[in-house]
Amino acid sequence: RHTLLAVVLVPVTLVRHTAWILRLRFGPTRTMPP
């Protein structure tokens, strides 16, 4: 299980959560009517 985690899930985690961070840092601010 540890091997599968290291080979499969760790890279997936890094990609998905890094993408979330980047969108928060550089994505647009959401607005709604005044």
ModelCIF file with pLDDT and N, C-alpha, C, O atoms, coordinates in Angstrom:
data_MODEL
#
_entry.id   MODEL 
#
_entity.id                         1 
_entity.type                       polymer 
_entity.pdbx_number_of_molecules   1 
#
_entity_poly.entity_id                      1 
_entity_poly.type                           'polypeptide(L)' 
_entity_poly.nstd_linkage                   no 
_entity_poly.nstd_monomer                   no 
_entity_poly.pdbx_seq_one_letter_code       RHTLLAVVLVPVTLVRHTAWILRLRFGPTRTMPP 
_entity_poly.pdbx_seq_one_letter_code_can   RHTLLAVVLVPVTLVRHTAWILRLRFGPTRTMPP 
_entity_poly.pdbx_strand_id                 A 
#
loop_
_entity_poly_seq.entity_id 
_entity_poly_seq.num 
_entity_poly_seq.mon_id 
_entity_poly_seq.hetero 
1 1  ARG n 
1 2  HIS n 
1 3  THR n 
1 4  LEU n 
1 5  LEU n 
1 6  ALA n 
1 7  VAL n 
1 8  VAL n 
1 9  LEU n 
1 10 VAL n 
1 11 PRO n 
1 12 VAL n 
1 13 THR n 
1 14 LEU n 
1 15 VAL n 
1 16 ARG n 
1 17 HIS n 
1 18 THR n 
1 19 ALA n 
1 20 TRP n 
1 21 ILE n 
1 22 LEU n 
1 23 ARG n 
1 24 LEU n 
1 25 ARG n 
1 26 PHE n 
1 27 GLY n 
1 28 PRO n 
1 29 THR n 
1 30 ARG n 
1 31 THR n 
1 32 MET n 
1 33 PRO n 
1 34 PRO n 
#
_struct_asym.id          A 
_struct_asym.entity_id   1 
#
loop_
_ma_qa_metric.id 
_ma_qa_metric.mode 
_ma_qa_metric.name 
_ma_qa_metric.software_group_id 
_ma_qa_metric.type 
1 global pLDDT . pLDDT 
2 local  pLDDT . pLDDT 
#
_ma_qa_metric_global.metric_id      1 
_ma_qa_metric_global.metric_value   84.47 
_ma_qa_metric_global.model_id       1 
_ma_qa_metric_global.ordinal_id     1 
#
loop_
_ma_qa_metric_local.label_asym_id 
_ma_qa_metric_local.label_comp_id 
_ma_qa_metric_local.label_seq_id 
_ma_qa_metric_local.metric_id 
_ma_qa_metric_local.metric_value 
_ma_qa_metric_local.model_id 
_ma_qa_metric_local.ordinal_id 
A ARG 1  2 58.00 1 1  
A HIS 2  2 56.00 1 2  
A THR 3  2 63.00 1 3  
A LEU 4  2 67.00 1 4  
A LEU 5  2 61.00 1 5  
A ALA 6  2 62.00 1 6  
A VAL 7  2 66.00 1 7  
A VAL 8  2 74.00 1 8  
A LEU 9  2 80.00 1 9  
A VAL 10 2 84.00 1 10 
A PRO 11 2 86.00 1 11 
A VAL 12 2 86.00 1 12 
A THR 13 2 89.00 1 13 
A LEU 14 2 90.00 1 14 
A VAL 15 2 91.00 1 15 
A ARG 16 2 91.00 1 16 
A HIS 17 2 92.00 1 17 
A THR 18 2 93.00 1 18 
A ALA 19 2 91.00 1 19 
A TRP 20 2 90.00 1 20 
A ILE 21 2 92.00 1 21 
A LEU 22 2 92.00 1 22 
A ARG 23 2 89.00 1 23 
A LEU 24 2 90.00 1 24 
A ARG 25 2 89.00 1 25 
A PHE 26 2 91.00 1 26 
A GLY 27 2 91.00 1 27 
A PRO 28 2 93.00 1 28 
A THR 29 2 95.00 1 29 
A ARG 30 2 97.00 1 30 
A THR 31 2 96.00 1 31 
A MET 32 2 97.00 1 32 
A PRO 33 2 96.00 1 33 
A PRO 34 2 94.00 1 34 
#
loop_
_atom_site.group_PDB 
_atom_site.id 
_atom_site.type_symbol 
_atom_site.label_atom_id 
_atom_site.label_alt_id 
_atom_site.label_comp_id 
_atom_site.label_asym_id 
_atom_site.label_entity_id 
_atom_site.label_seq_id 
_atom_site.pdbx_PDB_ins_code 
_atom_site.Cartn_x 
_atom_site.Cartn_y 
_atom_site.Cartn_z 
_atom_site.occupancy 
_atom_site.B_iso_or_equiv 
_atom_site.pdbx_formal_charge 
_atom_site.auth_seq_id 
_atom_site.auth_comp_id 
_atom_site.auth_asym_id 
_atom_site.auth_atom_id 
_atom_site.pdbx_PDB_model_num 
ATOM 1   N N  . ARG A 1 1  ? 0.832   -1.209 0.000   1.00 58.00 ? 1  ARG A N  1 
ATOM 2   C CA . ARG A 1 1  ? 0.000   0.000  0.000   1.00 58.00 ? 1  ARG A CA 1 
ATOM 3   C C  . ARG A 1 1  ? 0.862   1.252  0.000   1.00 58.00 ? 1  ARG A C  1 
ATOM 4   O O  . ARG A 1 1  ? 0.566   2.207  -0.718  1.00 58.00 ? 1  ARG A O  1 
ATOM 5   N N  . HIS A 1 2  ? 1.920   1.260  0.792   1.00 56.00 ? 2  HIS A N  1 
ATOM 6   C CA . HIS A 1 2  ? 2.804   2.422  0.820   1.00 56.00 ? 2  HIS A CA 1 
ATOM 7   C C  . HIS A 1 2  ? 3.450   2.655  -0.546  1.00 56.00 ? 2  HIS A C  1 
ATOM 8   O O  . HIS A 1 2  ? 3.621   3.796  -0.975  1.00 56.00 ? 2  HIS A O  1 
ATOM 9   N N  . THR A 1 3  ? 3.804   1.570  -1.216  1.00 63.00 ? 3  THR A N  1 
ATOM 10  C CA . THR A 1 3  ? 4.401   1.701  -2.542  1.00 63.00 ? 3  THR A CA 1 
ATOM 11  C C  . THR A 1 3  ? 3.414   2.295  -3.531  1.00 63.00 ? 3  THR A C  1 
ATOM 12  O O  . THR A 1 3  ? 3.762   3.180  -4.313  1.00 63.00 ? 3  THR A O  1 
ATOM 13  N N  . LEU A 1 4  ? 2.175   1.804  -3.493  1.00 67.00 ? 4  LEU A N  1 
ATOM 14  C CA . LEU A 1 4  ? 1.152   2.328  -4.399  1.00 67.00 ? 4  LEU A CA 1 
ATOM 15  C C  . LEU A 1 4  ? 0.881   3.801  -4.113  1.00 67.00 ? 4  LEU A C  1 
ATOM 16  O O  . LEU A 1 4  ? 0.699   4.594  -5.037  1.00 67.00 ? 4  LEU A O  1 
ATOM 17  N N  . LEU A 1 5  ? 0.855   4.162  -2.846  1.00 61.00 ? 5  LEU A N  1 
ATOM 18  C CA . LEU A 1 5  ? 0.635   5.552  -2.488  1.00 61.00 ? 5  LEU A CA 1 
ATOM 19  C C  . LEU A 1 5  ? 1.741   6.438  -3.036  1.00 61.00 ? 5  LEU A C  1 
ATOM 20  O O  . LEU A 1 5  ? 1.482   7.494  -3.614  1.00 61.00 ? 5  LEU A O  1 
ATOM 21  N N  . ALA A 1 6  ? 2.972   5.998  -2.847  1.00 62.00 ? 6  ALA A N  1 
ATOM 22  C CA . ALA A 1 6  ? 4.103   6.814  -3.283  1.00 62.00 ? 6  ALA A CA 1 
ATOM 23  C C  . ALA A 1 6  ? 4.150   6.953  -4.801  1.00 62.00 ? 6  ALA A C  1 
ATOM 24  O O  . ALA A 1 6  ? 4.493   8.014  -5.322  1.00 62.00 ? 6  ALA A O  1 
ATOM 25  N N  . VAL A 1 7  ? 3.804   5.879  -5.511  1.00 66.00 ? 7  VAL A N  1 
ATOM 26  C CA . VAL A 1 7  ? 3.934   5.874  -6.968  1.00 66.00 ? 7  VAL A CA 1 
ATOM 27  C C  . VAL A 1 7  ? 2.744   6.545  -7.649  1.00 66.00 ? 7  VAL A C  1 
ATOM 28  O O  . VAL A 1 7  ? 2.909   7.212  -8.670  1.00 66.00 ? 7  VAL A O  1 
ATOM 29  N N  . VAL A 1 8  ? 1.552   6.374  -7.092  1.00 74.00 ? 8  VAL A N  1 
ATOM 30  C CA . VAL A 1 8  ? 0.334   6.835  -7.765  1.00 74.00 ? 8  VAL A CA 1 
ATOM 31  C C  . VAL A 1 8  ? -0.274  8.064  -7.096  1.00 74.00 ? 8  VAL A C  1 
ATOM 32  O O  . VAL A 1 8  ? -0.426  9.104  -7.736  1.00 74.00 ? 8  VAL A O  1 
ATOM 33  N N  . LEU A 1 9  ? -0.621  7.955  -5.825  1.00 80.00 ? 9  LEU A N  1 
ATOM 34  C CA . LEU A 1 9  ? -1.429  8.998  -5.195  1.00 80.00 ? 9  LEU A CA 1 
ATOM 35  C C  . LEU A 1 9  ? -0.641  10.246 -4.826  1.00 80.00 ? 9  LEU A C  1 
ATOM 36  O O  . LEU A 1 9  ? -1.195  11.344 -4.869  1.00 80.00 ? 9  LEU A O  1 
ATOM 37  N N  . VAL A 1 10 ? 0.619   10.118 -4.469  1.00 84.00 ? 10 VAL A N  1 
ATOM 38  C CA . VAL A 1 10 ? 1.391   11.313 -4.138  1.00 84.00 ? 10 VAL A CA 1 
ATOM 39  C C  . VAL A 1 10 ? 1.514   12.242 -5.345  1.00 84.00 ? 10 VAL A C  1 
ATOM 40  O O  . VAL A 1 10 ? 1.256   13.438 -5.204  1.00 84.00 ? 10 VAL A O  1 
ATOM 41  N N  . PRO A 1 11 ? 1.899   11.743 -6.536  1.00 86.00 ? 11 PRO A N  1 
ATOM 42  C CA . PRO A 1 11 ? 1.939   12.644 -7.702  1.00 86.00 ? 11 PRO A CA 1 
ATOM 43  C C  . PRO A 1 11 ? 0.587   13.257 -8.029  1.00 86.00 ? 11 PRO A C  1 
ATOM 44  O O  . PRO A 1 11 ? 0.511   14.433 -8.385  1.00 86.00 ? 11 PRO A O  1 
ATOM 45  N N  . VAL A 1 12 ? -0.479  12.477 -7.912  1.00 86.00 ? 12 VAL A N  1 
ATOM 46  C CA . VAL A 1 12 ? -1.820  13.016 -8.182  1.00 86.00 ? 12 VAL A CA 1 
ATOM 47  C C  . VAL A 1 12 ? -2.155  14.126 -7.198  1.00 86.00 ? 12 VAL A C  1 
ATOM 48  O O  . VAL A 1 12 ? -2.692  15.167 -7.579  1.00 86.00 ? 12 VAL A O  1 
ATOM 49  N N  . THR A 1 13 ? -1.832  13.894 -5.926  1.00 89.00 ? 13 THR A N  1 
ATOM 50  C CA . THR A 1 13 ? -2.074  14.911 -4.891  1.00 89.00 ? 13 THR A CA 1 
ATOM 51  C C  . THR A 1 13 ? -1.308  16.190 -5.193  1.00 89.00 ? 13 THR A C  1 
ATOM 52  O O  . THR A 1 13 ? -1.866  17.284 -5.109  1.00 89.00 ? 13 THR A O  1 
ATOM 53  N N  . LEU A 1 14 ? -0.051  16.060 -5.539  1.00 90.00 ? 14 LEU A N  1 
ATOM 54  C CA . LEU A 1 14 ? 0.759   17.241 -5.827  1.00 90.00 ? 14 LEU A CA 1 
ATOM 55  C C  . LEU A 1 14 ? 0.198   18.039 -6.995  1.00 90.00 ? 14 LEU A C  1 
ATOM 56  O O  . LEU A 1 14 ? 0.153   19.268 -6.938  1.00 90.00 ? 14 LEU A O  1 
ATOM 57  N N  . VAL A 1 15 ? -0.228  17.362 -8.045  1.00 91.00 ? 15 VAL A N  1 
ATOM 58  C CA . VAL A 1 15 ? -0.759  18.053 -9.225  1.00 91.00 ? 15 VAL A CA 1 
ATOM 59  C C  . VAL A 1 15 ? -2.079  18.737 -8.901  1.00 91.00 ? 15 VAL A C  1 
ATOM 60  O O  . VAL A 1 15 ? -2.252  19.918 -9.203  1.00 91.00 ? 15 VAL A O  1 
ATOM 61  N N  . ARG A 1 16 ? -3.020  18.007 -8.286  1.00 91.00 ? 16 ARG A N  1 
ATOM 62  C CA . ARG A 1 16 ? -4.354  18.563 -8.044  1.00 91.00 ? 16 ARG A CA 1 
ATOM 63  C C  . ARG A 1 16 ? -4.318  19.721 -7.055  1.00 91.00 ? 16 ARG A C  1 
ATOM 64  O O  . ARG A 1 16 ? -4.958  20.748 -7.277  1.00 91.00 ? 16 ARG A O  1 
ATOM 65  N N  . HIS A 1 17 ? -3.576  19.559 -5.968  1.00 92.00 ? 17 HIS A N  1 
ATOM 66  C CA . HIS A 1 17 ? -3.577  20.600 -4.945  1.00 92.00 ? 17 HIS A CA 1 
ATOM 67  C C  . HIS A 1 17 ? -2.716  21.792 -5.338  1.00 92.00 ? 17 HIS A C  1 
ATOM 68  O O  . HIS A 1 17 ? -2.996  22.921 -4.936  1.00 92.00 ? 17 HIS A O  1 
ATOM 69  N N  . THR A 1 18 ? -1.679  21.550 -6.114  1.00 93.00 ? 18 THR A N  1 
ATOM 70  C CA . THR A 1 18 ? -0.902  22.677 -6.639  1.00 93.00 ? 18 THR A CA 1 
ATOM 71  C C  . THR A 1 18 ? -1.738  23.495 -7.612  1.00 93.00 ? 18 THR A C  1 
ATOM 72  O O  . THR A 1 18 ? -1.670  24.724 -7.609  1.00 93.00 ? 18 THR A O  1 
ATOM 73  N N  . ALA A 1 19 ? -2.525  22.823 -8.441  1.00 91.00 ? 19 ALA A N  1 
ATOM 74  C CA . ALA A 1 19 ? -3.406  23.536 -9.377  1.00 91.00 ? 19 ALA A CA 1 
ATOM 75  C C  . ALA A 1 19 ? -4.393  24.414 -8.620  1.00 91.00 ? 19 ALA A C  1 
ATOM 76  O O  . ALA A 1 19 ? -4.686  25.532 -9.042  1.00 91.00 ? 19 ALA A O  1 
ATOM 77  N N  . TRP A 1 20 ? -4.907  23.905 -7.499  1.00 90.00 ? 20 TRP A N  1 
ATOM 78  C CA . TRP A 1 20 ? -5.855  24.691 -6.689  1.00 90.00 ? 20 TRP A CA 1 
ATOM 79  C C  . TRP A 1 20 ? -5.169  25.932 -6.135  1.00 90.00 ? 20 TRP A C  1 
ATOM 80  O O  . TRP A 1 20 ? -5.727  27.028 -6.184  1.00 90.00 ? 20 TRP A O  1 
ATOM 81  N N  . ILE A 1 21 ? -3.964  25.765 -5.610  1.00 92.00 ? 21 ILE A N  1 
ATOM 82  C CA . ILE A 1 21 ? -3.209  26.894 -5.056  1.00 92.00 ? 21 ILE A CA 1 
ATOM 83  C C  . ILE A 1 21 ? -2.949  27.946 -6.128  1.00 92.00 ? 21 ILE A C  1 
ATOM 84  O O  . ILE A 1 21 ? -3.134  29.139 -5.888  1.00 92.00 ? 21 ILE A O  1 
ATOM 85  N N  . LEU A 1 22 ? -2.520  27.507 -7.306  1.00 92.00 ? 22 LEU A N  1 
ATOM 86  C CA . LEU A 1 22 ? -2.200  28.451 -8.372  1.00 92.00 ? 22 LEU A CA 1 
ATOM 87  C C  . LEU A 1 22 ? -3.435  29.233 -8.809  1.00 92.00 ? 22 LEU A C  1 
ATOM 88  O O  . LEU A 1 22 ? -3.344  30.427 -9.092  1.00 92.00 ? 22 LEU A O  1 
ATOM 89  N N  . ARG A 1 23 ? -4.581  28.572 -8.865  1.00 89.00 ? 23 ARG A N  1 
ATOM 90  C CA . ARG A 1 23 ? -5.803  29.280 -9.256  1.00 89.00 ? 23 ARG A CA 1 
ATOM 91  C C  . ARG A 1 23 ? -6.233  30.281 -8.194  1.00 89.00 ? 23 ARG A C  1 
ATOM 92  O O  . ARG A 1 23 ? -6.809  31.322 -8.510  1.00 89.00 ? 23 ARG A O  1 
ATOM 93  N N  . LEU A 1 24 ? -5.953  29.963 -6.937  1.00 90.00 ? 24 LEU A N  1 
ATOM 94  C CA . LEU A 1 24 ? -6.279  30.921 -5.875  1.00 90.00 ? 24 LEU A CA 1 
ATOM 95  C C  . LEU A 1 24 ? -5.345  32.124 -5.913  1.00 90.00 ? 24 LEU A C  1 
ATOM 96  O O  . LEU A 1 24 ? -5.778  33.252 -5.676  1.00 90.00 ? 24 LEU A O  1 
ATOM 97  N N  . ARG A 1 25 ? -4.079  31.895 -6.206  1.00 89.00 ? 25 ARG A N  1 
ATOM 98  C CA . ARG A 1 25 ? -3.105  32.981 -6.191  1.00 89.00 ? 25 ARG A CA 1 
ATOM 99  C C  . ARG A 1 25 ? -3.235  33.894 -7.405  1.00 89.00 ? 25 ARG A C  1 
ATOM 100 O O  . ARG A 1 25 ? -3.071  35.109 -7.294  1.00 89.00 ? 25 ARG A O  1 
ATOM 101 N N  . PHE A 1 26 ? -3.529  33.308 -8.560  1.00 91.00 ? 26 PHE A N  1 
ATOM 102 C CA . PHE A 1 26 ? -3.466  34.090 -9.791  1.00 91.00 ? 26 PHE A CA 1 
ATOM 103 C C  . PHE A 1 26 ? -4.796  34.188 -10.540 1.00 91.00 ? 26 PHE A C  1 
ATOM 104 O O  . PHE A 1 26 ? -4.892  34.883 -11.551 1.00 91.00 ? 26 PHE A O  1 
ATOM 105 N N  . GLY A 1 27 ? -5.818  33.492 -10.042 1.00 91.00 ? 27 GLY A N  1 
ATOM 106 C CA . GLY A 1 27 ? -7.114  33.542 -10.712 1.00 91.00 ? 27 GLY A CA 1 
ATOM 107 C C  . GLY A 1 27 ? -7.857  34.839 -10.421 1.00 91.00 ? 27 GLY A C  1 
ATOM 108 O O  . GLY A 1 27 ? -7.464  35.594 -9.532  1.00 91.00 ? 27 GLY A O  1 
ATOM 109 N N  . PRO A 1 28 ? -8.940  35.105 -11.172 1.00 93.00 ? 28 PRO A N  1 
ATOM 110 C CA . PRO A 1 28 ? -9.687  36.346 -10.987 1.00 93.00 ? 28 PRO A CA 1 
ATOM 111 C C  . PRO A 1 28 ? -10.524 36.340 -9.716  1.00 93.00 ? 28 PRO A C  1 
ATOM 112 O O  . PRO A 1 28 ? -10.887 35.284 -9.196  1.00 93.00 ? 28 PRO A O  1 
ATOM 113 N N  . THR A 1 29 ? -10.819 37.526 -9.233  1.00 95.00 ? 29 THR A N  1 
ATOM 114 C CA . THR A 1 29 ? -11.745 37.679 -8.115  1.00 95.00 ? 29 THR A CA 1 
ATOM 115 C C  . THR A 1 29 ? -13.169 37.517 -8.621  1.00 95.00 ? 29 THR A C  1 
ATOM 116 O O  . THR A 1 29 ? -13.524 38.039 -9.678  1.00 95.00 ? 29 THR A O  1 
ATOM 117 N N  . ARG A 1 30 ? -13.976 36.796 -7.868  1.00 97.00 ? 30 ARG A N  1 
ATOM 118 C CA . ARG A 1 30 ? -15.377 36.596 -8.252  1.00 97.00 ? 30 ARG A CA 1 
ATOM 119 C C  . ARG A 1 30 ? -16.226 37.742 -7.693  1.00 97.00 ? 30 ARG A C  1 
ATOM 120 O O  . ARG A 1 30 ? -16.084 38.134 -6.535  1.00 97.00 ? 30 ARG A O  1 
ATOM 121 N N  . THR A 1 31 ? -17.096 38.259 -8.534  1.00 96.00 ? 31 THR A N  1 
ATOM 122 C CA . THR A 1 31 ? -17.960 39.362 -8.126  1.00 96.00 ? 31 THR A CA 1 
ATOM 123 C C  . THR A 1 31 ? -19.416 39.001 -8.375  1.00 96.00 ? 31 THR A C  1 
ATOM 124 O O  . THR A 1 31 ? -19.729 38.103 -9.156  1.00 96.00 ? 31 THR A O  1 
ATOM 125 N N  . MET A 1 32 ? -20.294 39.718 -7.696  1.00 97.00 ? 32 MET A N  1 
ATOM 126 C CA . MET A 1 32 ? -21.737 39.591 -7.898  1.00 97.00 ? 32 MET A CA 1 
ATOM 127 C C  . MET A 1 32 ? -22.308 41.001 -7.965  1.00 97.00 ? 32 MET A C  1 
ATOM 128 O O  . MET A 1 32 ? -21.598 41.954 -7.643  1.00 97.00 ? 32 MET A O  1 
ATOM 129 N N  . PRO A 1 33 ? -23.570 41.170 -8.373  1.00 96.00 ? 33 PRO A N  1 
ATOM 130 C CA . PRO A 1 33 ? -24.146 42.509 -8.474  1.00 96.00 ? 33 PRO A CA 1 
ATOM 131 C C  . PRO A 1 33 ? -23.985 43.314 -7.180  1.00 96.00 ? 33 PRO A C  1 
ATOM 132 O O  . PRO A 1 33 ? -23.983 42.735 -6.093  1.00 96.00 ? 33 PRO A O  1 
ATOM 133 N N  . PRO A 1 34 ? -23.851 44.636 -7.284  1.00 94.00 ? 34 PRO A N  1 
ATOM 134 C CA . PRO A 1 34 ? -23.590 45.475 -6.101  1.00 94.00 ? 34 PRO A CA 1 
ATOM 135 C C  . PRO A 1 34 ? -24.639 45.346 -4.999  1.00 94.00 ? 34 PRO A C  1 
ATOM 136 O O  . PRO A 1 34 ? -24.528 45.998 -3.962  1.00 94.00 ? 34 PRO A O  1 
#
